[in-house]
Amino acid sequence: PWQVCLAHDRSGQVCGYVVWRHEHGFVQVGDFLARDPHTLTQPLFLAFARLARRPTGQSIPVEFFGSARVAAQLRDAGMVARPGQAPLFAGAATPAAFLSPEAWYLTSFDNDAD
């Protein structure tokens, strides 16, 4: 079953979440969001990794397409980009502003292929 991990700041306010599950010996992340994704994604994933790796989580796959700043936060938290990601298709009438990854925030829960 999917589980939700909530992150709280010092005042007790929710500042992020990770939706995840154990699947075939690894931890699968379905969705995540931080209150300020450009600054809080790294600490969110550092804290989540400590939780997820015990007792059996050896690998934590995360799918993300969007802002380079959020992707950098994931890398800074120890995530490694893998080559050969699934393509993202845009319709012919898609406005140019939406063709940039900066306009998107997609996780594996947004993938309609499965």
PDB file of N, CA and C in Angstrom:
ATOM      1  N   PRO A   1       0.829  -1.209   0.000  1.00  0.00           N
ATOM      2  CA  PRO A   1       0.000   0.000   0.000  1.00  0.00           C
ATOM      3  C   PRO A   1       0.864   1.259   0.000  1.00  0.00           C
ATOM      4  N   TRP A   2       0.342   2.290  -0.614  1.00  0.00           N
ATOM      5  CA  TRP A   2       1.029   3.584  -0.617  1.00  0.00           C
ATOM      6  C   TRP A   2       0.935   4.197   0.770  1.00  0.00           C
ATOM      7  N   GLN A   3       1.996   4.890   1.165  1.00  0.00           N
ATOM      8  CA  GLN A   3       2.045   5.582   2.443  1.00  0.00           C
ATOM      9  C   GLN A   3       2.403   7.041   2.186  1.00  0.00           C
ATOM     10  N   VAL A   4       2.042   7.907   3.124  1.00  0.00           N
ATOM     11  CA  VAL A   4       2.377   9.323   3.020  1.00  0.00           C
ATOM     12  C   VAL A   4       3.301   9.677   4.172  1.00  0.00           C
ATOM     13  N   CYS A   5       4.431  10.248   3.825  1.00  0.00           N
ATOM     14  CA  CYS A   5       5.393  10.747   4.808  1.00  0.00           C
ATOM     15  C   CYS A   5       5.284  12.265   4.809  1.00  0.00           C
ATOM     16  N   LEU A   6       4.892  12.840   5.936  1.00  0.00           N
ATOM     17  CA  LEU A   6       4.767  14.295   6.045  1.00  0.00           C
ATOM     18  C   LEU A   6       6.001  14.861   6.725  1.00  0.00           C
ATOM     19  N   ALA A   7       6.479  15.986   6.230  1.00  0.00           N
ATOM     20  CA  ALA A   7       7.568  16.707   6.862  1.00  0.00           C
ATOM     21  C   ALA A   7       6.992  17.953   7.519  1.00  0.00           C
ATOM     22  N   HIS A   8       7.445  18.231   8.729  1.00  0.00           N
ATOM     23  CA  HIS A   8       6.975  19.394   9.482  1.00  0.00           C
ATOM     24  C   HIS A   8       8.145  20.314   9.785  1.00  0.00           C
ATOM     25  N   ASP A   9       7.861  21.619   9.832  1.00  0.00           N
ATOM     26  CA  ASP A   9       8.901  22.544  10.246  1.00  0.00           C
ATOM     27  C   ASP A   9       8.912  22.624  11.777  1.00  0.00           C
ATOM     28  N   ARG A  10       9.773  23.463  12.319  1.00  0.00           N
ATOM     29  CA  ARG A  10       9.924  23.538  13.787  1.00  0.00           C
ATOM     30  C   ARG A  10       8.638  23.975  14.496  1.00  0.00           C
ATOM     31  N   SER A  11       7.781  24.711  13.788  1.00  0.00           N
ATOM     32  CA  SER A  11       6.529  25.161  14.408  1.00  0.00           C
ATOM     33  C   SER A  11       5.415  24.123  14.280  1.00  0.00           C
ATOM     34  N   GLY A  12       5.706  23.000  13.613  1.00  0.00           N
ATOM     35  CA  GLY A  12       4.705  21.945  13.468  1.00  0.00           C
ATOM     36  C   GLY A  12       3.884  22.029  12.194  1.00  0.00           C
ATOM     37  N   GLN A  13       4.154  23.034  11.353  1.00  0.00           N
ATOM     38  CA  GLN A  13       3.420  23.182  10.102  1.00  0.00           C
ATOM     39  C   GLN A  13       3.966  22.194   9.060  1.00  0.00           C
ATOM     40  N   VAL A  14       3.058  21.591   8.290  1.00  0.00           N
ATOM     41  CA  VAL A  14       3.493  20.689   7.223  1.00  0.00           C
ATOM     42  C   VAL A  14       4.220  21.507   6.165  1.00  0.00           C
ATOM     43  N   CYS A  15       5.419  21.036   5.786  1.00  0.00           N
ATOM     44  CA  CYS A  15       6.194  21.762   4.781  1.00  0.00           C
ATOM     45  C   CYS A  15       6.516  20.883   3.575  1.00  0.00           C
ATOM     46  N   GLY A  16       6.024  19.645   3.573  1.00  0.00           N
ATOM     47  CA  GLY A  16       6.233  18.785   2.423  1.00  0.00           C
ATOM     48  C   GLY A  16       5.704  17.391   2.669  1.00  0.00           C
ATOM     49  N   TYR A  17       5.639  16.614   1.587  1.00  0.00           N
ATOM     50  CA  TYR A  17       5.211  15.219   1.708  1.00  0.00           C
ATOM     51  C   TYR A  17       5.893  14.377   0.642  1.00  0.00           C
ATOM     52  N   VAL A  18       5.975  13.081   0.923  1.00  0.00           N
ATOM     53  CA  VAL A  18       6.425  12.085  -0.037  1.00  0.00           C
ATOM     54  C   VAL A  18       5.424  10.938   0.033  1.00  0.00           C
ATOM     55  N   VAL A  19       4.866  10.543  -1.111  1.00  0.00           N
ATOM     56  CA  VAL A  19       4.001   9.372  -1.186  1.00  0.00           C
ATOM     57  C   VAL A  19       4.873   8.230  -1.685  1.00  0.00           C
ATOM     58  N   TRP A  20       4.891   7.106  -0.957  1.00  0.00           N
ATOM     59  CA  TRP A  20       5.839   6.039  -1.255  1.00  0.00           C
ATOM     60  C   TRP A  20       5.291   4.672  -0.842  1.00  0.00           C
ATOM     61  N   ARG A  21       5.997   3.642  -1.308  1.00  0.00           N
ATOM     62  CA  ARG A  21       5.680   2.271  -0.896  1.00  0.00           C
ATOM     63  C   ARG A  21       6.909   1.390  -1.087  1.00  0.00           C
ATOM     64  N   HIS A  22       6.921   0.284  -0.348  1.00  0.00           N
ATOM     65  CA  HIS A  22       7.937  -0.744  -0.574  1.00  0.00           C
ATOM     66  C   HIS A  22       7.434  -1.628  -1.704  1.00  0.00           C
ATOM     67  N   GLU A  23       8.281  -1.870  -2.713  1.00  0.00           N
ATOM     68  CA  GLU A  23       7.884  -2.662  -3.877  1.00  0.00           C
ATOM     69  C   GLU A  23       9.072  -3.505  -4.321  1.00  0.00           C
ATOM     70  N   HIS A  24       8.977  -4.810  -4.161  1.00  0.00           N
ATOM     71  CA  HIS A  24      10.003  -5.754  -4.624  1.00  0.00           C
ATOM     72  C   HIS A  24      11.401  -5.402  -4.118  1.00  0.00           C
ATOM     73  N   GLY A  25      11.524  -5.095  -2.849  1.00  0.00           N
ATOM     74  CA  GLY A  25      12.827  -4.849  -2.259  1.00  0.00           C
ATOM     75  C   GLY A  25      13.363  -3.439  -2.406  1.00  0.00           C
ATOM     76  N   PHE A  26      12.596  -2.548  -2.980  1.00  0.00           N
ATOM     77  CA  PHE A  26      13.050  -1.161  -3.040  1.00  0.00           C
ATOM     78  C   PHE A  26      11.900  -0.240  -2.670  1.00  0.00           C
ATOM     79  N   VAL A  27      12.237   0.996  -2.423  1.00  0.00           N
ATOM     80  CA  VAL A  27      11.242   2.011  -2.072  1.00  0.00           C
ATOM     81  C   VAL A  27      10.884   2.765  -3.341  1.00  0.00           C
ATOM     82  N   GLN A  28       9.608   2.826  -3.650  1.00  0.00           N
ATOM     83  CA  GLN A  28       9.143   3.540  -4.838  1.00  0.00           C
ATOM     84  C   GLN A  28       8.453   4.828  -4.400  1.00  0.00           C
ATOM     85  N   VAL A  29       8.896   5.954  -4.970  1.00  0.00           N
ATOM     86  CA  VAL A  29       8.266   7.245  -4.697  1.00  0.00           C
ATOM     87  C   VAL A  29       7.261   7.524  -5.807  1.00  0.00           C
ATOM     88  N   GLY A  30       6.021   7.768  -5.435  1.00  0.00           N
ATOM     89  CA  GLY A  30       4.986   8.063  -6.413  1.00  0.00           C
ATOM     90  C   GLY A  30       4.795   9.549  -6.630  1.00  0.00           C
ATOM     91  N   ASP A  31       4.951  10.328  -5.557  1.00  0.00           N
ATOM     92  CA  ASP A  31       4.717  11.765  -5.655  1.00  0.00           C
ATOM     93  C   ASP A  31       5.446  12.451  -4.499  1.00  0.00           C
ATOM     94  N   PHE A  32       5.768  13.703  -4.684  1.00  0.00           N
ATOM     95  CA  PHE A  32       6.378  14.487  -3.617  1.00  0.00           C
ATOM     96  C   PHE A  32       6.146  15.956  -3.913  1.00  0.00           C
ATOM     97  N   LEU A  33       6.138  16.758  -2.865  1.00  0.00           N
ATOM     98  CA  LEU A  33       6.014  18.199  -3.016  1.00  0.00           C
ATOM     99  C   LEU A  33       6.463  18.846  -1.717  1.00  0.00           C
ATOM    100  N   ALA A  34       7.226  19.899  -1.840  1.00  0.00           N
ATOM    101  CA  ALA A  34       7.629  20.704  -0.689  1.00  0.00           C
ATOM    102  C   ALA A  34       6.989  22.080  -0.805  1.00  0.00           C
ATOM    103  N   ARG A  35       6.750  22.689   0.321  1.00  0.00           N
ATOM    104  CA  ARG A  35       6.112  24.018   0.347  1.00  0.00           C
ATOM    105  C   ARG A  35       6.862  24.996  -0.559  1.00  0.00           C
ATOM    106  N   ASP A  36       8.171  24.983  -0.505  1.00  0.00           N
ATOM    107  CA  ASP A  36       9.001  25.750  -1.435  1.00  0.00           C
ATOM    108  C   ASP A  36       9.911  24.734  -2.130  1.00  0.00           C
ATOM    109  N   PRO A  37       9.489  24.212  -3.282  1.00  0.00           N
ATOM    110  CA  PRO A  37      10.244  23.142  -3.935  1.00  0.00           C
ATOM    111  C   PRO A  37      11.684  23.499  -4.271  1.00  0.00           C
ATOM    112  N   HIS A  38      11.952  24.787  -4.503  1.00  0.00           N
ATOM    113  CA  HIS A  38      13.303  25.195  -4.902  1.00  0.00           C
ATOM    114  C   HIS A  38      14.299  25.182  -3.744  1.00  0.00           C
ATOM    115  N   THR A  39      13.811  25.194  -2.514  1.00  0.00           N
ATOM    116  CA  THR A  39      14.731  25.186  -1.366  1.00  0.00           C
ATOM    117  C   THR A  39      14.498  24.027  -0.407  1.00  0.00           C
ATOM    118  N   LEU A  40      13.311  23.443  -0.407  1.00  0.00           N
ATOM    119  CA  LEU A  40      12.998  22.418   0.594  1.00  0.00           C
ATOM    120  C   LEU A  40      12.992  20.983   0.062  1.00  0.00           C
ATOM    121  N   THR A  41      13.175  20.793  -1.244  1.00  0.00           N
ATOM    122  CA  THR A  41      13.179  19.430  -1.782  1.00  0.00           C
ATOM    123  C   THR A  41      14.373  18.638  -1.255  1.00  0.00           C
ATOM    124  N   GLN A  42      15.547  19.242  -1.207  1.00  0.00           N
ATOM    125  CA  GLN A  42      16.717  18.529  -0.698  1.00  0.00           C
ATOM    126  C   GLN A  42      16.518  18.069   0.750  1.00  0.00           C
ATOM    127  N   PRO A  43      16.181  18.964   1.686  1.00  0.00           N
ATOM    128  CA  PRO A  43      15.998  18.478   3.058  1.00  0.00           C
ATOM    129  C   PRO A  43      14.853  17.478   3.186  1.00  0.00           C
ATOM    130  N   LEU A  44      13.807  17.635   2.372  1.00  0.00           N
ATOM    131  CA  LEU A  44      12.704  16.673   2.388  1.00  0.00           C
ATOM    132  C   LEU A  44      13.218  15.281   2.040  1.00  0.00           C
ATOM    133  N   PHE A  45      14.012  15.173   0.970  1.00  0.00           N
ATOM    134  CA  PHE A  45      14.501  13.863   0.545  1.00  0.00           C
ATOM    135  C   PHE A  45      15.603  13.318   1.448  1.00  0.00           C
ATOM    136  N   LEU A  46      16.410  14.167   2.026  1.00  0.00           N
ATOM    137  CA  LEU A  46      17.409  13.690   2.982  1.00  0.00           C
ATOM    138  C   LEU A  46      16.720  13.052   4.192  1.00  0.00           C
ATOM    139  N   ALA A  47      15.686  13.712   4.703  1.00  0.00           N
ATOM    140  CA  ALA A  47      14.942  13.160   5.841  1.00  0.00           C
ATOM    141  C   ALA A  47      14.186  11.897   5.436  1.00  0.00           C
ATOM    142  N   PHE A  48      13.548  11.924   4.268  1.00  0.00           N
ATOM    143  CA  PHE A  48      12.802  10.752   3.807  1.00  0.00           C
ATOM    144  C   PHE A  48      13.724   9.555   3.601  1.00  0.00           C
ATOM    145  N   ALA A  49      14.902   9.771   3.047  1.00  0.00           N
ATOM    146  CA  ALA A  49      15.836   8.668   2.788  1.00  0.00           C
ATOM    147  C   ALA A  49      16.222   7.965   4.081  1.00  0.00           C
ATOM    148  N   ARG A  50      16.385   8.706   5.159  1.00  0.00           N
ATOM    149  CA  ARG A  50      16.699   8.080   6.444  1.00  0.00           C
ATOM    150  C   ARG A  50      15.574   7.149   6.871  1.00  0.00           C
ATOM    151  N   LEU A  51      14.336   7.569   6.672  1.00  0.00           N
ATOM    152  CA  LEU A  51      13.183   6.732   7.014  1.00  0.00           C
ATOM    153  C   LEU A  51      13.062   5.546   6.072  1.00  0.00           C
ATOM    154  N   ALA A  52      13.155   5.794   4.786  1.00  0.00           N
ATOM    155  CA  ALA A  52      12.864   4.781   3.771  1.00  0.00           C
ATOM    156  C   ALA A  52      13.906   3.676   3.712  1.00  0.00           C
ATOM    157  N   ARG A  53      15.130   3.966   4.048  1.00  0.00           N
ATOM    158  CA  ARG A  53      16.184   2.960   3.920  1.00  0.00           C
ATOM    159  C   ARG A  53      16.161   1.942   5.050  1.00  0.00           C
ATOM    160  N   ARG A  54      15.356   2.133   6.058  1.00  0.00           N
ATOM    161  CA  ARG A  54      15.276   1.105   7.078  1.00  0.00           C
ATOM    162  C   ARG A  54      13.927   0.445   7.004  1.00  0.00           C
ATOM    163  N   PRO A  55      13.743  -0.798   7.135  1.00  0.00           N
ATOM    164  CA  PRO A  55      14.833  -1.753   7.298  1.00  0.00           C
ATOM    165  C   PRO A  55      15.336  -2.333   5.977  1.00  0.00           C
ATOM    166  N   THR A  56      14.526  -2.222   4.885  1.00  0.00           N
ATOM    167  CA  THR A  56      14.901  -2.961   3.674  1.00  0.00           C
ATOM    168  C   THR A  56      15.129  -2.102   2.443  1.00  0.00           C
ATOM    169  N   GLY A  57      14.901  -0.824   2.522  1.00  0.00           N
ATOM    170  CA  GLY A  57      15.014   0.011   1.319  1.00  0.00           C
ATOM    171  C   GLY A  57      16.452   0.232   0.898  1.00  0.00           C
ATOM    172  N   GLN A  58      16.824  -0.312  -0.226  1.00  0.00           N
ATOM    173  CA  GLN A  58      18.180  -0.141  -0.738  1.00  0.00           C
ATOM    174  C   GLN A  58      18.235   0.891  -1.864  1.00  0.00           C
ATOM    175  N   SER A  59      17.151   1.049  -2.580  1.00  0.00           N
ATOM    176  CA  SER A  59      17.090   1.933  -3.725  1.00  0.00           C
ATOM    177  C   SER A  59      15.822   2.772  -3.608  1.00  0.00           C
ATOM    178  N   ILE A  60      15.902   4.022  -4.031  1.00  0.00           N
ATOM    179  CA  ILE A  60      14.743   4.914  -3.962  1.00  0.00           C
ATOM    180  C   ILE A  60      14.553   5.573  -5.326  1.00  0.00           C
ATOM    181  N   PRO A  61      13.882   4.896  -6.271  1.00  0.00           N
ATOM    182  CA  PRO A  61      13.633   5.526  -7.568  1.00  0.00           C
ATOM    183  C   PRO A  61      12.645   6.691  -7.447  1.00  0.00           C
ATOM    184  N   VAL A  62      12.970   7.785  -8.122  1.00  0.00           N
ATOM    185  CA  VAL A  62      12.131   8.984  -8.125  1.00  0.00           C
ATOM    186  C   VAL A  62      12.015   9.454  -9.567  1.00  0.00           C
ATOM    187  N   GLU A  63      10.802   9.682 -10.034  1.00  0.00           N
ATOM    188  CA  GLU A  63      10.599  10.249 -11.365  1.00  0.00           C
ATOM    189  C   GLU A  63      10.208  11.711 -11.202  1.00  0.00           C
ATOM    190  N   PHE A  64      10.887  12.571 -11.973  1.00  0.00           N
ATOM    191  CA  PHE A  64      10.560  14.001 -11.923  1.00  0.00           C
ATOM    192  C   PHE A  64      10.882  14.639 -13.258  1.00  0.00           C
ATOM    193  N   PHE A  65       9.985  15.488 -13.732  1.00  0.00           N
ATOM    194  CA  PHE A  65      10.214  16.332 -14.898  1.00  0.00           C
ATOM    195  C   PHE A  65       9.724  17.718 -14.525  1.00  0.00           C
ATOM    196  N   GLY A  66      10.634  18.677 -14.572  1.00  0.00           N
ATOM    197  CA  GLY A  66      10.247  20.037 -14.229  1.00  0.00           C
ATOM    198  C   GLY A  66      11.451  20.922 -14.038  1.00  0.00           C
ATOM    199  N   SER A  67      11.312  21.847 -13.141  1.00  0.00           N
ATOM    200  CA  SER A  67      12.302  22.888 -12.882  1.00  0.00           C
ATOM    201  C   SER A  67      13.702  22.321 -12.647  1.00  0.00           C
ATOM    202  N   ALA A  68      14.681  22.941 -13.292  1.00  0.00           N
ATOM    203  CA  ALA A  68      16.075  22.550 -13.085  1.00  0.00           C
ATOM    204  C   ALA A  68      16.489  22.772 -11.636  1.00  0.00           C
ATOM    205  N   ARG A  69      15.907  23.753 -10.977  1.00  0.00           N
ATOM    206  CA  ARG A  69      16.246  24.010  -9.570  1.00  0.00           C
ATOM    207  C   ARG A  69      15.755  22.883  -8.674  1.00  0.00           C
ATOM    208  N   VAL A  70      14.574  22.338  -8.952  1.00  0.00           N
ATOM    209  CA  VAL A  70      14.079  21.197  -8.171  1.00  0.00           C
ATOM    210  C   VAL A  70      14.924  19.963  -8.484  1.00  0.00           C
ATOM    211  N   ALA A  71      15.253  19.759  -9.755  1.00  0.00           N
ATOM    212  CA  ALA A  71      16.112  18.625 -10.129  1.00  0.00           C
ATOM    213  C   ALA A  71      17.465  18.729  -9.420  1.00  0.00           C
ATOM    214  N   ALA A  72      18.000  19.934  -9.298  1.00  0.00           N
ATOM    215  CA  ALA A  72      19.272  20.124  -8.589  1.00  0.00           C
ATOM    216  C   ALA A  72      19.115  19.792  -7.104  1.00  0.00           C
ATOM    217  N   GLN A  73      17.973  20.126  -6.524  1.00  0.00           N
ATOM    218  CA  GLN A  73      17.707  19.774  -5.126  1.00  0.00           C
ATOM    219  C   GLN A  73      17.699  18.249  -4.950  1.00  0.00           C
ATOM    220  N   LEU A  74      17.115  17.536  -5.915  1.00  0.00           N
ATOM    221  CA  LEU A  74      17.117  16.066  -5.856  1.00  0.00           C
ATOM    222  C   LEU A  74      18.543  15.526  -5.948  1.00  0.00           C
ATOM    223  N   ARG A  75      19.335  16.073  -6.872  1.00  0.00           N
ATOM    224  CA  ARG A  75      20.739  15.640  -6.992  1.00  0.00           C
ATOM    225  C   ARG A  75      21.509  15.931  -5.709  1.00  0.00           C
ATOM    226  N   ASP A  76      21.279  17.105  -5.120  1.00  0.00           N
ATOM    227  CA  ASP A  76      21.961  17.472  -3.885  1.00  0.00           C
ATOM    228  C   ASP A  76      21.573  16.555  -2.721  1.00  0.00           C
ATOM    229  N   ALA A  77      20.417  15.919  -2.830  1.00  0.00           N
ATOM    230  CA  ALA A  77      19.976  14.959  -1.808  1.00  0.00           C
ATOM    231  C   ALA A  77      20.501  13.555  -2.091  1.00  0.00           C
ATOM    232  N   GLY A  78      21.287  13.397  -3.165  1.00  0.00           N
ATOM    233  CA  GLY A  78      21.891  12.106  -3.460  1.00  0.00           C
ATOM    234  C   GLY A  78      21.219  11.310  -4.554  1.00  0.00           C
ATOM    235  N   MET A  79      20.192  11.869  -5.178  1.00  0.00           N
ATOM    236  CA  MET A  79      19.535  11.173  -6.280  1.00  0.00           C
ATOM    237  C   MET A  79      20.404  11.301  -7.526  1.00  0.00           C
ATOM    238  N   VAL A  80      20.435  10.266  -8.333  1.00  0.00           N
ATOM    239  CA  VAL A  80      21.263  10.243  -9.536  1.00  0.00           C
ATOM    240  C   VAL A  80      20.349  10.091 -10.748  1.00  0.00           C
ATOM    241  N   ALA A  81      20.483  10.988 -11.712  1.00  0.00           N
ATOM    242  CA  ALA A  81      19.673  10.912 -12.931  1.00  0.00           C
ATOM    243  C   ALA A  81      20.113   9.704 -13.753  1.00  0.00           C
ATOM    244  N   ARG A  82      19.152   8.973 -14.258  1.00  0.00           N
ATOM    245  CA  ARG A  82      19.443   7.844 -15.132  1.00  0.00           C
ATOM    246  C   ARG A  82      19.095   8.215 -16.563  1.00  0.00           C
ATOM    247  N   PRO A  83      19.915   7.784 -17.520  1.00  0.00           N
ATOM    248  CA  PRO A  83      19.617   8.086 -18.925  1.00  0.00           C
ATOM    249  C   PRO A  83      18.421   7.267 -19.411  1.00  0.00           C
ATOM    250  N   GLY A  84      17.873   7.712 -20.545  1.00  0.00           N
ATOM    251  CA  GLY A  84      16.794   6.940 -21.177  1.00  0.00           C
ATOM    252  C   GLY A  84      15.442   7.119 -20.534  1.00  0.00           C
ATOM    253  N   GLN A  85      15.136   8.310 -20.096  1.00  0.00           N
ATOM    254  CA  GLN A  85      13.839   8.570 -19.489  1.00  0.00           C
ATOM    255  C   GLN A  85      12.737   8.531 -20.544  1.00  0.00           C
ATOM    256  N   ALA A  86      11.516   8.270 -20.117  1.00  0.00           N
ATOM    257  CA  ALA A  86      10.369   8.236 -21.013  1.00  0.00           C
ATOM    258  C   ALA A  86      10.138   9.616 -21.623  1.00  0.00           C
ATOM    259  N   PRO A  87       9.734   9.671 -22.871  1.00  0.00           N
ATOM    260  CA  PRO A  87       9.499  10.979 -23.513  1.00  0.00           C
ATOM    261  C   PRO A  87       8.225  11.631 -22.984  1.00  0.00           C
ATOM    262  N   LEU A  88       8.185  12.933 -23.108  1.00  0.00           N
ATOM    263  CA  LEU A  88       7.003  13.709 -22.783  1.00  0.00           C
ATOM    264  C   LEU A  88       6.511  14.319 -24.085  1.00  0.00           C
ATOM    265  N   PHE A  89       5.266  14.043 -24.432  1.00  0.00           N
ATOM    266  CA  PHE A  89       4.727  14.507 -25.709  1.00  0.00           C
ATOM    267  C   PHE A  89       3.844  15.733 -25.489  1.00  0.00           C
ATOM    268  N   ALA A  90       3.996  16.719 -26.367  1.00  0.00           N
ATOM    269  CA  ALA A  90       3.173  17.920 -26.342  1.00  0.00           C
ATOM    270  C   ALA A  90       2.453  18.027 -27.670  1.00  0.00           C
ATOM    271  N   GLY A  91       1.216  18.475 -27.643  1.00  0.00           N
ATOM    272  CA  GLY A  91       0.436  18.630 -28.861  1.00  0.00           C
ATOM    273  C   GLY A  91       0.967  19.760 -29.729  1.00  0.00           C
ATOM    274  N   ALA A  92       0.621  19.725 -30.985  1.00  0.00           N
ATOM    275  CA  ALA A  92       1.098  20.722 -31.946  1.00  0.00           C
ATOM    276  C   ALA A  92       0.680  22.141 -31.562  1.00  0.00           C
ATOM    277  N   ALA A  93      -0.442  22.283 -30.888  1.00  0.00           N
ATOM    278  CA  ALA A  93      -0.944  23.608 -30.523  1.00  0.00           C
ATOM    279  C   ALA A  93      -0.481  24.061 -29.137  1.00  0.00           C
ATOM    280  N   THR A  94       0.456  23.333 -28.539  1.00  0.00           N
ATOM    281  CA  THR A  94       0.944  23.688 -27.201  1.00  0.00           C
ATOM    282  C   THR A  94       1.676  25.027 -27.258  1.00  0.00           C
ATOM    283  N   PRO A  95       1.288  25.990 -26.408  1.00  0.00           N
ATOM    284  CA  PRO A  95       1.986  27.283 -26.395  1.00  0.00           C
ATOM    285  C   PRO A  95       3.467  27.094 -26.054  1.00  0.00           C
ATOM    286  N   ALA A  96       4.313  27.903 -26.640  1.00  0.00           N
ATOM    287  CA  ALA A  96       5.765  27.790 -26.459  1.00  0.00           C
ATOM    288  C   ALA A  96       6.161  27.849 -24.984  1.00  0.00           C
ATOM    289  N   ALA A  97       5.456  28.641 -24.188  1.00  0.00           N
ATOM    290  CA  ALA A  97       5.798  28.767 -22.768  1.00  0.00           C
ATOM    291  C   ALA A  97       5.680  27.435 -22.035  1.00  0.00           C
ATOM    292  N   PHE A  98       4.853  26.529 -22.531  1.00  0.00           N
ATOM    293  CA  PHE A  98       4.664  25.236 -21.878  1.00  0.00           C
ATOM    294  C   PHE A  98       5.638  24.178 -22.363  1.00  0.00           C
ATOM    295  N   LEU A  99       6.494  24.493 -23.310  1.00  0.00           N
ATOM    296  CA  LEU A  99       7.449  23.510 -23.814  1.00  0.00           C
ATOM    297  C   LEU A  99       8.703  23.428 -22.953  1.00  0.00           C
ATOM    298  N   SER A 100       8.899  24.381 -22.091  1.00  0.00           N
ATOM    299  CA  SER A 100      10.060  24.382 -21.200  1.00  0.00           C
ATOM    300  C   SER A 100       9.781  23.521 -19.974  1.00  0.00           C
ATOM    301  N   PRO A 101      10.762  22.729 -19.521  1.00  0.00           N
ATOM    302  CA  PRO A 101      10.580  21.965 -18.277  1.00  0.00           C
ATOM    303  C   PRO A 101      10.248  22.856 -17.083  1.00  0.00           C
ATOM    304  N   GLU A 102      10.653  24.119 -17.126  1.00  0.00           N
ATOM    305  CA  GLU A 102      10.385  25.036 -16.015  1.00  0.00           C
ATOM    306  C   GLU A 102       8.888  25.246 -15.793  1.00  0.00           C
ATOM    307  N   ALA A 103       8.063  24.963 -16.787  1.00  0.00           N
ATOM    308  CA  ALA A 103       6.612  25.146 -16.683  1.00  0.00           C
ATOM    309  C   ALA A 103       5.917  23.933 -16.075  1.00  0.00           C
ATOM    310  N   TRP A 104       6.656  22.879 -15.761  1.00  0.00           N
ATOM    311  CA  TRP A 104       6.059  21.615 -15.335  1.00  0.00           C
ATOM    312  C   TRP A 104       6.534  21.188 -13.959  1.00  0.00           C
ATOM    313  N   TYR A 105       5.744  20.313 -13.333  1.00  0.00           N
ATOM    314  CA  TYR A 105       6.113  19.630 -12.094  1.00  0.00           C
ATOM    315  C   TYR A 105       5.422  18.278 -12.164  1.00  0.00           C
ATOM    316  N   LEU A 106       6.102  17.310 -12.774  1.00  0.00           N
ATOM    317  CA  LEU A 106       5.507  15.986 -12.985  1.00  0.00           C
ATOM    318  C   LEU A 106       6.280  14.929 -12.205  1.00  0.00           C
ATOM    319  N   THR A 107       5.545  14.012 -11.598  1.00  0.00           N
ATOM    320  CA  THR A 107       6.130  12.879 -10.891  1.00  0.00           C
ATOM    321  C   THR A 107       5.548  11.598 -11.482  1.00  0.00           C
ATOM    322  N   SER A 108       5.934  10.459 -10.947  1.00  0.00           N
ATOM    323  CA  SER A 108       5.429   9.201 -11.513  1.00  0.00           C
ATOM    324  C   SER A 108       3.918   9.085 -11.398  1.00  0.00           C
ATOM    325  N   PHE A 109       3.297   9.743 -10.438  1.00  0.00           N
ATOM    326  CA  PHE A 109       1.835   9.713 -10.344  1.00  0.00           C
ATOM    327  C   PHE A 109       1.170  10.407 -11.524  1.00  0.00           C
ATOM    328  N   ASP A 110       1.910  11.244 -12.240  1.00  0.00           N
ATOM    329  CA  ASP A 110       1.377  11.933 -13.419  1.00  0.00           C
ATOM    330  C   ASP A 110       1.548  11.125 -14.687  1.00  0.00           C
ATOM    331  N   ASN A 111       2.222   9.986 -14.602  1.00  0.00           N
ATOM    332  CA  ASN A 111       2.503   9.158 -15.782  1.00  0.00           C
ATOM    333  C   ASN A 111       1.284   8.290 -16.094  1.00  0.00           C
ATOM    334  N   ASP A 112       0.709   8.483 -17.255  1.00  0.00           N
ATOM    335  CA  ASP A 112      -0.475   7.720 -17.666  1.00  0.00           C
ATOM    336  C   ASP A 112      -0.118   6.421 -18.374  1.00  0.00           C
ATOM    337  N   ALA A 113       1.164   6.119 -18.491  1.00  0.00           N
ATOM    338  CA  ALA A 113       1.590   4.935 -19.247  1.00  0.00           C
ATOM    339  C   ALA A 113       1.368   3.634 -18.476  1.00  0.00           C
ATOM    340  N   ASP A 114       1.239   3.708 -17.158  1.00  0.00           N
ATOM    341  CA  ASP A 114       1.095   2.471 -16.393  1.00  0.00           C
ATOM    342  C   ASP A 114      -0.295   2.118 -16.031  1.00  0.00           C
TER     343      ASP A 114
END
